[in-house]
Amino acid sequence: MQRERRRDPYPWTWEIPVAVALATLFVIVIGIQLGRSVANLLAGAGWTWPDANAGAFPSPIGTAFWTSLPGVLGGRADAGLPSPIPDGLAGSGLVWGSLALTEVALLTATIWLGAWAYQRWGPGRMRGMATAAEAEKLLGVTRLRKVAGIVRPDLYGKHASATPAPAQRAAGDFTEQPGPQLGHGLSPWLLDGRRTKEDR
């Protein structure tokens, strides 16, 4: 199975790189607006977001979201905000510092998530291997304790603590004992021969 994975990998087509590039670009754009909002929050102006009612189609990611990007990158904390604009907005230095930290955090999380998804579902994934959670579910301590009575009925079964009753035998009953017993199964000739040798 692993040999087949190495010899016949999934072909890289243009759709995958384009999807990765678009997702990364969207994360960067979201990071710009989040960084500005965090800067205003730290400055004491509260949480701010571009005007959702601007444009023909009102939405949280509308016209003001895109048109305010150059102003935010220029250090303007009021770019694209709805009226009335709150007082005490962040300065340019705080906006740029917040943008940098927000972008680094988002890109780090995106790279980590992409690497995890590539190892989990990508063409180089290990096929036929159980995950740690699946192995714990089937072979973990919780599962073993749950089925202990089935795996080891002698130790954890319903009658494991019960002591077996001693066998009752009648006097002279040697039918269940294997092998010849003392005085049984020996011919009188051998007994006489032993006695004769002892007498000598």
N, C-alpha and C. Protein backbone atom coordinates (compact mmCIF):
# COMPACT_ATOMS: atom_id res chain seq x y z
N MET A 1 0.83 -1.20 0.00
CA MET A 1 0.00 0.00 0.00
C MET A 1 0.87 1.26 0.00
N GLN A 2 1.90 1.26 0.84
CA GLN A 2 2.79 2.42 0.86
C GLN A 2 3.61 2.51 -0.42
N ARG A 3 3.96 1.36 -1.01
CA ARG A 3 4.71 1.36 -2.27
C ARG A 3 3.86 1.97 -3.39
N GLU A 4 2.56 1.65 -3.39
CA GLU A 4 1.67 2.23 -4.40
C GLU A 4 1.56 3.74 -4.23
N ARG A 5 1.54 4.22 -2.97
CA ARG A 5 1.47 5.66 -2.73
C ARG A 5 2.69 6.38 -3.27
N ARG A 6 3.87 5.76 -3.13
CA ARG A 6 5.09 6.42 -3.61
C ARG A 6 5.19 6.42 -5.13
N ARG A 7 4.70 5.37 -5.76
CA ARG A 7 4.85 5.26 -7.22
C ARG A 7 3.76 6.00 -7.99
N ASP A 8 2.60 6.17 -7.38
CA ASP A 8 1.49 6.80 -8.10
C ASP A 8 0.95 7.96 -7.28
N PRO A 9 1.69 9.06 -7.17
CA PRO A 9 1.22 10.20 -6.36
C PRO A 9 0.11 10.96 -7.09
N TYR A 10 -0.61 11.76 -6.30
CA TYR A 10 -1.67 12.58 -6.88
C TYR A 10 -1.04 13.69 -7.71
N PRO A 11 -1.50 13.89 -8.94
CA PRO A 11 -0.86 14.92 -9.78
C PRO A 11 -1.17 16.32 -9.28
N TRP A 12 -0.14 17.17 -9.29
CA TRP A 12 -0.32 18.57 -8.91
C TRP A 12 -0.85 19.35 -10.10
N THR A 13 -2.05 19.86 -9.99
CA THR A 13 -2.66 20.67 -11.05
C THR A 13 -2.74 22.12 -10.56
N TRP A 14 -3.25 23.00 -11.42
CA TRP A 14 -3.25 24.43 -11.10
C TRP A 14 -4.27 24.79 -10.03
N GLU A 15 -5.29 23.94 -9.81
CA GLU A 15 -6.33 24.29 -8.85
C GLU A 15 -5.82 24.39 -7.41
N ILE A 16 -4.94 23.47 -7.05
CA ILE A 16 -4.46 23.44 -5.66
C ILE A 16 -3.60 24.67 -5.34
N PRO A 17 -2.59 25.03 -6.16
CA PRO A 17 -1.83 26.24 -5.84
C PRO A 17 -2.67 27.51 -5.83
N VAL A 18 -3.65 27.60 -6.74
CA VAL A 18 -4.50 28.78 -6.77
C VAL A 18 -5.36 28.86 -5.51
N ALA A 19 -5.90 27.73 -5.08
CA ALA A 19 -6.70 27.73 -3.86
C ALA A 19 -5.86 28.12 -2.64
N VAL A 20 -4.63 27.63 -2.58
CA VAL A 20 -3.75 27.98 -1.46
C VAL A 20 -3.43 29.48 -1.50
N ALA A 21 -3.15 30.01 -2.68
CA ALA A 21 -2.81 31.43 -2.81
C ALA A 21 -4.00 32.31 -2.42
N LEU A 22 -5.20 31.96 -2.88
CA LEU A 22 -6.39 32.75 -2.54
C LEU A 22 -6.69 32.70 -1.04
N ALA A 23 -6.54 31.52 -0.44
CA ALA A 23 -6.79 31.41 1.00
C ALA A 23 -5.78 32.24 1.79
N THR A 24 -4.51 32.22 1.36
CA THR A 24 -3.49 33.01 2.05
C THR A 24 -3.75 34.50 1.89
N LEU A 25 -4.15 34.93 0.70
CA LEU A 25 -4.46 36.34 0.47
C LEU A 25 -5.64 36.79 1.31
N PHE A 26 -6.65 35.94 1.44
CA PHE A 26 -7.82 36.30 2.24
C PHE A 26 -7.43 36.41 3.72
N VAL A 27 -6.57 35.52 4.19
CA VAL A 27 -6.11 35.59 5.58
C VAL A 27 -5.36 36.89 5.83
N ILE A 28 -4.55 37.31 4.85
CA ILE A 28 -3.80 38.57 4.99
C ILE A 28 -4.74 39.76 5.06
N VAL A 29 -5.77 39.76 4.19
CA VAL A 29 -6.72 40.88 4.19
C VAL A 29 -7.51 40.92 5.50
N ILE A 30 -7.97 39.75 5.95
CA ILE A 30 -8.68 39.70 7.23
C ILE A 30 -7.78 40.20 8.36
N GLY A 31 -6.48 39.83 8.29
CA GLY A 31 -5.54 40.25 9.31
C GLY A 31 -5.37 41.76 9.37
N ILE A 32 -5.47 42.44 8.22
CA ILE A 32 -5.35 43.91 8.21
C ILE A 32 -6.49 44.54 9.00
N GLN A 33 -7.71 44.10 8.72
CA GLN A 33 -8.85 44.68 9.44
C GLN A 33 -8.87 44.26 10.91
N LEU A 34 -8.48 43.02 11.20
CA LEU A 34 -8.42 42.60 12.59
C LEU A 34 -7.35 43.37 13.36
N GLY A 35 -6.20 43.61 12.71
CA GLY A 35 -5.14 44.36 13.36
C GLY A 35 -5.58 45.78 13.70
N ARG A 36 -6.30 46.44 12.77
CA ARG A 36 -6.81 47.78 13.05
C ARG A 36 -7.80 47.76 14.20
N SER A 37 -8.69 46.74 14.23
CA SER A 37 -9.68 46.65 15.29
C SER A 37 -9.03 46.40 16.64
N VAL A 38 -8.00 45.55 16.67
CA VAL A 38 -7.29 45.30 17.92
C VAL A 38 -6.57 46.56 18.40
N ALA A 39 -6.00 47.32 17.46
CA ALA A 39 -5.32 48.57 17.84
C ALA A 39 -6.30 49.56 18.46
N ASN A 40 -7.48 49.71 17.85
CA ASN A 40 -8.48 50.62 18.42
C ASN A 40 -8.98 50.12 19.77
N LEU A 41 -9.08 48.81 19.93
CA LEU A 41 -9.51 48.26 21.21
C LEU A 41 -8.48 48.54 22.29
N LEU A 42 -7.20 48.39 21.95
CA LEU A 42 -6.15 48.68 22.93
C LEU A 42 -6.06 50.17 23.25
N ALA A 43 -6.41 51.02 22.28
CA ALA A 43 -6.35 52.47 22.51
C ALA A 43 -7.51 52.97 23.34
N GLY A 44 -8.54 52.15 23.54
CA GLY A 44 -9.68 52.54 24.36
C GLY A 44 -10.88 53.00 23.57
N ALA A 45 -10.86 52.86 22.24
CA ALA A 45 -12.00 53.28 21.42
C ALA A 45 -13.01 52.18 21.22
N GLY A 46 -12.77 50.99 21.76
CA GLY A 46 -13.71 49.88 21.58
C GLY A 46 -13.44 49.12 20.30
N TRP A 47 -14.23 48.10 20.10
CA TRP A 47 -14.07 47.26 18.91
C TRP A 47 -14.67 47.97 17.70
N THR A 48 -13.90 48.12 16.64
CA THR A 48 -14.36 48.81 15.43
C THR A 48 -14.26 47.86 14.24
N TRP A 49 -15.15 48.07 13.28
CA TRP A 49 -15.17 47.26 12.06
C TRP A 49 -15.66 48.13 10.92
N PRO A 50 -15.21 47.87 9.70
CA PRO A 50 -15.68 48.70 8.57
C PRO A 50 -17.19 48.69 8.45
N ASP A 51 -17.71 49.74 7.82
CA ASP A 51 -19.17 49.92 7.69
C ASP A 51 -19.77 48.77 6.90
N ALA A 52 -20.64 47.98 7.57
CA ALA A 52 -21.26 46.83 6.91
C ALA A 52 -22.39 47.24 5.98
N ASN A 53 -22.93 48.47 6.11
CA ASN A 53 -24.05 48.91 5.28
C ASN A 53 -23.61 49.68 4.04
N ALA A 54 -22.32 49.88 3.87
CA ALA A 54 -21.84 50.60 2.69
C ALA A 54 -21.90 49.69 1.47
N GLY A 55 -22.27 50.26 0.35
CA GLY A 55 -22.33 49.50 -0.89
C GLY A 55 -23.71 48.97 -1.18
N ALA A 56 -23.83 48.30 -2.35
CA ALA A 56 -25.13 47.79 -2.79
C ALA A 56 -25.54 46.55 -2.01
N PHE A 57 -24.57 45.77 -1.53
CA PHE A 57 -24.88 44.52 -0.83
C PHE A 57 -24.31 44.60 0.59
N PRO A 58 -25.14 44.98 1.57
CA PRO A 58 -24.64 45.09 2.94
C PRO A 58 -24.17 43.73 3.49
N SER A 59 -22.98 43.71 4.03
CA SER A 59 -22.42 42.50 4.63
C SER A 59 -21.20 42.91 5.45
N PRO A 60 -20.79 42.07 6.40
CA PRO A 60 -19.57 42.40 7.17
C PRO A 60 -18.34 42.56 6.29
N ILE A 61 -18.32 41.87 5.16
CA ILE A 61 -17.22 42.04 4.20
C ILE A 61 -17.84 42.69 2.96
N GLY A 62 -18.07 43.98 3.07
CA GLY A 62 -18.70 44.70 1.98
C GLY A 62 -17.73 45.65 1.30
N THR A 63 -18.27 46.73 0.72
CA THR A 63 -17.46 47.68 -0.03
C THR A 63 -16.45 48.39 0.86
N ALA A 64 -16.89 48.85 2.03
CA ALA A 64 -15.98 49.57 2.93
C ALA A 64 -14.86 48.67 3.43
N PHE A 65 -15.11 47.39 3.51
CA PHE A 65 -14.06 46.46 3.95
C PHE A 65 -12.88 46.50 2.99
N TRP A 66 -13.16 46.56 1.68
CA TRP A 66 -12.09 46.53 0.68
C TRP A 66 -11.52 47.92 0.41
N THR A 67 -12.39 48.92 0.37
CA THR A 67 -11.90 50.27 0.03
C THR A 67 -11.09 50.90 1.16
N SER A 68 -11.25 50.41 2.39
CA SER A 68 -10.52 50.99 3.51
C SER A 68 -9.13 50.38 3.70
N LEU A 69 -8.78 49.35 2.93
CA LEU A 69 -7.48 48.68 3.11
C LEU A 69 -6.30 49.62 2.90
N PRO A 70 -6.27 50.45 1.84
CA PRO A 70 -5.12 51.36 1.70
C PRO A 70 -4.98 52.34 2.86
N GLY A 71 -6.11 52.86 3.37
CA GLY A 71 -6.05 53.78 4.49
C GLY A 71 -5.54 53.11 5.76
N VAL A 72 -5.97 51.87 6.01
CA VAL A 72 -5.50 51.17 7.20
C VAL A 72 -4.01 50.88 7.08
N LEU A 73 -3.56 50.46 5.89
CA LEU A 73 -2.13 50.22 5.70
C LEU A 73 -1.32 51.50 5.85
N GLY A 74 -1.94 52.66 5.59
CA GLY A 74 -1.27 53.94 5.77
C GLY A 74 -1.25 54.42 7.21
N GLY A 75 -1.85 53.65 8.13
CA GLY A 75 -1.83 54.01 9.54
C GLY A 75 -3.07 54.73 10.01
N ARG A 76 -4.09 54.87 9.17
CA ARG A 76 -5.33 55.55 9.57
C ARG A 76 -6.26 54.56 10.25
N ALA A 77 -6.55 54.78 11.50
CA ALA A 77 -7.41 53.88 12.26
C ALA A 77 -8.89 54.14 12.00
N ASP A 78 -9.24 55.26 11.32
CA ASP A 78 -10.64 55.59 11.09
C ASP A 78 -11.10 55.25 9.68
N ALA A 79 -10.26 54.65 8.87
CA ALA A 79 -10.61 54.39 7.46
C ALA A 79 -11.74 53.38 7.37
N GLY A 80 -12.84 53.80 6.70
CA GLY A 80 -13.97 52.90 6.43
C GLY A 80 -14.88 52.66 7.60
N LEU A 81 -14.70 53.33 8.72
CA LEU A 81 -15.55 53.08 9.87
C LEU A 81 -16.89 53.78 9.70
N PRO A 82 -17.97 53.22 10.24
CA PRO A 82 -19.28 53.86 10.14
C PRO A 82 -19.36 55.09 11.04
N SER A 83 -20.24 56.01 10.67
CA SER A 83 -20.46 57.20 11.51
C SER A 83 -21.43 56.86 12.63
N PRO A 84 -21.31 57.47 13.78
CA PRO A 84 -20.25 58.41 14.18
C PRO A 84 -18.97 57.67 14.55
N ILE A 85 -17.85 58.26 14.19
CA ILE A 85 -16.56 57.66 14.47
C ILE A 85 -16.22 57.87 15.94
N PRO A 86 -15.87 56.83 16.67
CA PRO A 86 -15.60 56.98 18.11
C PRO A 86 -14.33 57.80 18.35
N ASP A 87 -14.24 58.35 19.54
CA ASP A 87 -13.07 59.13 19.94
C ASP A 87 -11.97 58.21 20.48
N GLY A 88 -10.77 58.74 20.46
CA GLY A 88 -9.64 58.00 21.04
C GLY A 88 -9.15 56.86 20.21
N LEU A 89 -9.18 57.03 18.87
CA LEU A 89 -8.69 55.96 18.00
C LEU A 89 -7.17 55.82 18.12
N ALA A 90 -6.67 54.67 17.70
CA ALA A 90 -5.24 54.38 17.82
C ALA A 90 -4.44 55.24 16.86
N GLY A 91 -3.19 55.49 17.25
CA GLY A 91 -2.28 56.22 16.38
C GLY A 91 -1.66 55.31 15.33
N SER A 92 -0.88 55.92 14.43
CA SER A 92 -0.28 55.16 13.33
C SER A 92 0.67 54.08 13.84
N GLY A 93 1.48 54.40 14.83
CA GLY A 93 2.43 53.41 15.35
C GLY A 93 1.75 52.19 15.94
N LEU A 94 0.69 52.43 16.71
CA LEU A 94 -0.05 51.32 17.30
C LEU A 94 -0.75 50.50 16.23
N VAL A 95 -1.27 51.17 15.21
CA VAL A 95 -1.94 50.45 14.11
C VAL A 95 -0.94 49.55 13.40
N TRP A 96 0.23 50.05 13.05
CA TRP A 96 1.21 49.24 12.33
C TRP A 96 1.74 48.09 13.19
N GLY A 97 1.97 48.36 14.46
CA GLY A 97 2.42 47.28 15.35
C GLY A 97 1.37 46.19 15.51
N SER A 98 0.12 46.60 15.64
CA SER A 98 -0.96 45.63 15.77
C SER A 98 -1.14 44.85 14.47
N LEU A 99 -0.99 45.52 13.33
CA LEU A 99 -1.08 44.82 12.04
C LEU A 99 0.01 43.76 11.94
N ALA A 100 1.23 44.12 12.31
CA ALA A 100 2.34 43.16 12.19
C ALA A 100 2.11 41.94 13.08
N LEU A 101 1.74 42.16 14.33
CA LEU A 101 1.52 41.03 15.24
C LEU A 101 0.35 40.16 14.81
N THR A 102 -0.72 40.81 14.34
CA THR A 102 -1.88 40.05 13.91
C THR A 102 -1.57 39.21 12.68
N GLU A 103 -0.84 39.78 11.72
CA GLU A 103 -0.49 39.04 10.51
C GLU A 103 0.42 37.85 10.83
N VAL A 104 1.38 38.07 11.71
CA VAL A 104 2.29 36.97 12.08
C VAL A 104 1.50 35.84 12.75
N ALA A 105 0.59 36.18 13.65
CA ALA A 105 -0.19 35.16 14.34
C ALA A 105 -1.09 34.40 13.37
N LEU A 106 -1.77 35.13 12.48
CA LEU A 106 -2.67 34.47 11.54
C LEU A 106 -1.92 33.61 10.53
N LEU A 107 -0.79 34.11 10.01
CA LEU A 107 -0.04 33.32 9.04
C LEU A 107 0.58 32.08 9.69
N THR A 108 1.02 32.20 10.94
CA THR A 108 1.55 31.03 11.64
C THR A 108 0.46 29.97 11.82
N ALA A 109 -0.72 30.41 12.24
CA ALA A 109 -1.82 29.46 12.40
C ALA A 109 -2.23 28.85 11.07
N THR A 110 -2.21 29.66 9.99
CA THR A 110 -2.58 29.14 8.68
C THR A 110 -1.58 28.11 8.18
N ILE A 111 -0.28 28.38 8.35
CA ILE A 111 0.74 27.42 7.92
C ILE A 111 0.64 26.13 8.72
N TRP A 112 0.43 26.24 10.01
CA TRP A 112 0.28 25.04 10.84
C TRP A 112 -0.94 24.23 10.41
N LEU A 113 -2.06 24.91 10.17
CA LEU A 113 -3.27 24.21 9.75
C LEU A 113 -3.09 23.58 8.37
N GLY A 114 -2.41 24.29 7.45
CA GLY A 114 -2.17 23.73 6.13
C GLY A 114 -1.27 22.51 6.17
N ALA A 115 -0.21 22.55 7.01
CA ALA A 115 0.68 21.39 7.13
C ALA A 115 -0.05 20.20 7.73
N TRP A 116 -0.90 20.46 8.74
CA TRP A 116 -1.67 19.38 9.33
C TRP A 116 -2.64 18.78 8.31
N ALA A 117 -3.33 19.62 7.55
CA ALA A 117 -4.26 19.11 6.54
C ALA A 117 -3.54 18.35 5.44
N TYR A 118 -2.34 18.82 5.06
CA TYR A 118 -1.57 18.12 4.02
C TYR A 118 -1.15 16.73 4.50
N GLN A 119 -0.72 16.62 5.75
CA GLN A 119 -0.34 15.31 6.27
C GLN A 119 -1.54 14.41 6.47
N ARG A 120 -2.69 15.02 6.75
CA ARG A 120 -3.88 14.20 7.03
C ARG A 120 -4.60 13.76 5.77
N TRP A 121 -4.73 14.65 4.77
CA TRP A 121 -5.50 14.34 3.57
C TRP A 121 -4.70 14.47 2.27
N GLY A 122 -3.48 14.92 2.33
CA GLY A 122 -2.70 15.15 1.13
C GLY A 122 -2.24 13.86 0.47
N PRO A 123 -1.57 13.98 -0.69
CA PRO A 123 -1.11 12.78 -1.40
C PRO A 123 -0.03 12.01 -0.66
N GLY A 124 0.66 12.63 0.27
CA GLY A 124 1.72 11.95 1.00
C GLY A 124 1.26 11.35 2.31
N ARG A 125 -0.05 11.24 2.52
CA ARG A 125 -0.55 10.72 3.79
C ARG A 125 -0.27 9.22 3.90
N MET A 126 -0.22 8.75 5.12
CA MET A 126 -0.05 7.32 5.38
C MET A 126 -1.41 6.65 5.27
N ARG A 127 -1.52 5.74 4.33
CA ARG A 127 -2.80 5.07 4.12
C ARG A 127 -2.88 3.80 4.96
N GLY A 128 -4.08 3.52 5.41
CA GLY A 128 -4.30 2.31 6.19
C GLY A 128 -3.80 2.38 7.62
N MET A 129 -3.45 3.57 8.10
CA MET A 129 -2.95 3.72 9.46
C MET A 129 -4.01 4.39 10.32
N ALA A 130 -4.20 3.87 11.50
CA ALA A 130 -5.17 4.45 12.43
C ALA A 130 -4.56 5.68 13.11
N THR A 131 -5.40 6.63 13.39
CA THR A 131 -4.94 7.80 14.12
C THR A 131 -4.77 7.45 15.59
N ALA A 132 -4.14 8.36 16.33
CA ALA A 132 -3.94 8.12 17.77
C ALA A 132 -5.27 8.00 18.50
N ALA A 133 -6.25 8.83 18.09
CA ALA A 133 -7.57 8.76 18.74
C ALA A 133 -8.27 7.44 18.44
N GLU A 134 -8.15 6.95 17.19
CA GLU A 134 -8.78 5.68 16.85
C GLU A 134 -8.11 4.51 17.57
N ALA A 135 -6.79 4.55 17.69
CA ALA A 135 -6.10 3.49 18.42
C ALA A 135 -6.46 3.50 19.89
N GLU A 136 -6.59 4.68 20.48
CA GLU A 136 -6.99 4.77 21.88
C GLU A 136 -8.42 4.27 22.08
N LYS A 137 -9.27 4.54 21.10
CA LYS A 137 -10.66 4.11 21.22
C LYS A 137 -10.77 2.59 21.19
N LEU A 138 -9.96 1.92 20.38
CA LEU A 138 -10.06 0.48 20.24
C LEU A 138 -9.15 -0.28 21.20
N LEU A 139 -7.96 0.25 21.47
CA LEU A 139 -6.97 -0.49 22.25
C LEU A 139 -6.53 0.22 23.52
N GLY A 140 -7.18 1.31 23.87
CA GLY A 140 -6.77 2.08 25.03
C GLY A 140 -7.14 1.42 26.34
N VAL A 141 -6.69 2.03 27.41
CA VAL A 141 -6.93 1.48 28.75
C VAL A 141 -8.42 1.44 29.08
N THR A 142 -9.15 2.48 28.65
CA THR A 142 -10.59 2.50 28.93
C THR A 142 -11.31 1.34 28.28
N ARG A 143 -10.96 1.06 27.02
CA ARG A 143 -11.57 -0.05 26.30
C ARG A 143 -11.18 -1.40 26.92
N LEU A 144 -9.91 -1.56 27.29
CA LEU A 144 -9.47 -2.82 27.88
C LEU A 144 -10.14 -3.07 29.22
N ARG A 145 -10.33 -2.01 30.02
CA ARG A 145 -11.02 -2.20 31.30
C ARG A 145 -12.50 -2.53 31.09
N LYS A 146 -13.06 -2.00 30.02
CA LYS A 146 -14.48 -2.25 29.75
C LYS A 146 -14.72 -3.70 29.36
N VAL A 147 -13.79 -4.30 28.61
CA VAL A 147 -13.97 -5.67 28.14
C VAL A 147 -13.08 -6.65 28.89
N ALA A 148 -12.66 -6.28 30.10
CA ALA A 148 -11.77 -7.16 30.86
C ALA A 148 -12.43 -8.50 31.17
N GLY A 149 -13.72 -8.51 31.40
CA GLY A 149 -14.40 -9.76 31.68
C GLY A 149 -14.44 -10.71 30.50
N ILE A 150 -14.34 -10.17 29.28
CA ILE A 150 -14.32 -11.01 28.08
C ILE A 150 -12.91 -11.47 27.77
N VAL A 151 -11.94 -10.56 27.92
CA VAL A 151 -10.56 -10.90 27.61
C VAL A 151 -9.99 -11.87 28.64
N ARG A 152 -10.20 -11.61 29.92
CA ARG A 152 -9.70 -12.48 30.99
C ARG A 152 -10.84 -12.86 31.92
N PRO A 153 -11.69 -13.79 31.50
CA PRO A 153 -12.82 -14.16 32.38
C PRO A 153 -12.36 -14.85 33.66
N ASP A 154 -11.15 -15.44 33.65
CA ASP A 154 -10.67 -16.09 34.86
C ASP A 154 -10.33 -15.10 35.96
N LEU A 155 -9.95 -13.86 35.57
CA LEU A 155 -9.60 -12.85 36.56
C LEU A 155 -10.70 -11.83 36.80
N TYR A 156 -11.44 -11.45 35.74
CA TYR A 156 -12.41 -10.36 35.85
C TYR A 156 -13.83 -10.79 35.50
N GLY A 157 -14.07 -12.10 35.33
CA GLY A 157 -15.40 -12.57 35.00
C GLY A 157 -16.36 -12.51 36.18
N LYS A 158 -17.61 -12.91 35.95
CA LYS A 158 -18.61 -12.86 37.02
C LYS A 158 -18.30 -13.84 38.13
N HIS A 159 -17.73 -15.01 37.79
CA HIS A 159 -17.47 -16.05 38.78
C HIS A 159 -15.98 -16.17 39.07
N ALA A 160 -15.22 -15.11 38.86
CA ALA A 160 -13.77 -15.20 39.06
C ALA A 160 -13.41 -15.35 40.53
N SER A 161 -14.18 -14.74 41.42
CA SER A 161 -13.85 -14.78 42.85
C SER A 161 -14.40 -16.02 43.54
N ALA A 162 -15.28 -16.74 42.88
CA ALA A 162 -15.87 -17.92 43.51
C ALA A 162 -14.86 -19.06 43.53
N THR A 163 -14.71 -19.74 44.68
CA THR A 163 -13.77 -20.86 44.79
C THR A 163 -14.48 -22.15 44.40
N PRO A 164 -13.84 -23.00 43.63
CA PRO A 164 -14.51 -24.24 43.23
C PRO A 164 -14.69 -25.18 44.41
N ALA A 165 -15.79 -25.89 44.40
CA ALA A 165 -16.08 -26.84 45.48
C ALA A 165 -15.16 -28.04 45.34
N PRO A 166 -14.69 -28.62 46.48
CA PRO A 166 -13.81 -29.79 46.40
C PRO A 166 -14.57 -31.00 45.85
N ALA A 167 -13.84 -31.82 45.09
CA ALA A 167 -14.46 -33.00 44.49
C ALA A 167 -14.73 -34.05 45.57
N GLN A 168 -15.92 -34.65 45.53
CA GLN A 168 -16.30 -35.69 46.48
C GLN A 168 -16.07 -37.05 45.81
N ARG A 169 -15.27 -37.91 46.48
CA ARG A 169 -14.98 -39.23 45.95
C ARG A 169 -15.29 -40.29 47.01
N ALA A 170 -15.71 -41.37 46.52
CA ALA A 170 -15.95 -42.49 47.43
C ALA A 170 -14.64 -43.20 47.73
N ALA A 171 -14.62 -43.94 48.82
CA ALA A 171 -13.41 -44.67 49.20
C ALA A 171 -13.09 -45.73 48.17
N GLY A 172 -11.85 -45.77 47.73
CA GLY A 172 -11.41 -46.77 46.74
C GLY A 172 -11.74 -46.40 45.31
N ASP A 173 -12.23 -45.11 45.07
CA ASP A 173 -12.56 -44.68 43.71
C ASP A 173 -11.31 -44.07 43.09
N PHE A 174 -10.71 -44.82 42.17
CA PHE A 174 -9.51 -44.33 41.50
C PHE A 174 -9.74 -44.19 40.01
N THR A 175 -10.97 -44.08 39.60
CA THR A 175 -11.26 -44.05 38.16
C THR A 175 -10.81 -42.76 37.52
N GLU A 176 -10.83 -41.61 38.28
CA GLU A 176 -10.46 -40.33 37.68
C GLU A 176 -8.98 -40.01 37.80
N GLN A 177 -8.22 -40.83 38.51
CA GLN A 177 -6.82 -40.55 38.69
C GLN A 177 -6.02 -41.27 37.63
N PRO A 178 -5.20 -40.55 36.87
CA PRO A 178 -4.45 -41.20 35.79
C PRO A 178 -3.27 -41.98 36.33
N GLY A 179 -2.84 -42.97 35.55
CA GLY A 179 -1.65 -43.74 35.89
C GLY A 179 -1.92 -44.81 36.92
N PRO A 180 -1.03 -45.75 37.03
CA PRO A 180 -1.22 -46.83 38.02
C PRO A 180 -1.02 -46.32 39.42
N GLN A 181 -1.85 -46.80 40.34
CA GLN A 181 -1.75 -46.43 41.74
C GLN A 181 -0.92 -47.46 42.48
N LEU A 182 -0.48 -47.13 43.65
CA LEU A 182 0.33 -48.03 44.45
C LEU A 182 -0.47 -49.27 44.80
N GLY A 183 0.02 -50.38 44.39
CA GLY A 183 -0.68 -51.63 44.67
C GLY A 183 -1.69 -52.02 43.62
N HIS A 184 -1.90 -51.14 42.61
CA HIS A 184 -2.86 -51.42 41.53
C HIS A 184 -2.09 -51.46 40.23
N GLY A 185 -2.35 -52.44 39.42
CA GLY A 185 -1.73 -52.55 38.12
C GLY A 185 -0.38 -53.24 38.15
N LEU A 186 0.15 -53.63 39.32
CA LEU A 186 1.41 -54.35 39.40
C LEU A 186 1.11 -55.83 39.60
N SER A 187 1.77 -56.63 38.84
CA SER A 187 1.50 -58.08 38.92
C SER A 187 2.09 -58.67 40.19
N PRO A 188 1.50 -59.68 40.72
CA PRO A 188 2.04 -60.32 41.93
C PRO A 188 3.44 -60.86 41.70
N TRP A 189 3.77 -61.21 40.45
CA TRP A 189 5.10 -61.76 40.16
C TRP A 189 6.17 -60.72 40.44
N LEU A 190 5.90 -59.42 40.05
CA LEU A 190 6.88 -58.38 40.31
C LEU A 190 7.03 -58.12 41.79
N LEU A 191 5.92 -58.16 42.52
CA LEU A 191 6.00 -57.95 43.95
C LEU A 191 6.81 -59.06 44.63
N ASP A 192 6.54 -60.30 44.17
CA ASP A 192 7.29 -61.42 44.72
C ASP A 192 8.76 -61.32 44.37
N GLY A 193 9.04 -60.85 43.12
CA GLY A 193 10.44 -60.71 42.71
C GLY A 193 11.15 -59.66 43.54
N ARG A 194 10.47 -58.55 43.88
CA ARG A 194 11.09 -57.53 44.71
C ARG A 194 11.40 -58.09 46.11
N ARG A 195 10.41 -58.81 46.64
CA ARG A 195 10.60 -59.32 47.98
C ARG A 195 11.76 -60.32 48.03
N THR A 196 11.85 -61.13 46.96
CA THR A 196 12.92 -62.12 46.91
C THR A 196 14.27 -61.45 46.88
N LYS A 197 14.42 -60.38 46.07
CA LYS A 197 15.68 -59.67 46.01
C LYS A 197 16.02 -59.00 47.31
N GLU A 198 15.03 -58.49 48.03
CA GLU A 198 15.28 -57.84 49.30
C GLU A 198 15.75 -58.86 50.33
N ASP A 199 15.15 -60.07 50.24
CA ASP A 199 15.55 -61.09 51.21
C ASP A 199 16.99 -61.51 50.99
N ARG A 200 17.44 -61.53 49.73
CA ARG A 200 18.80 -61.90 49.47
C ARG A 200 19.73 -60.84 49.99
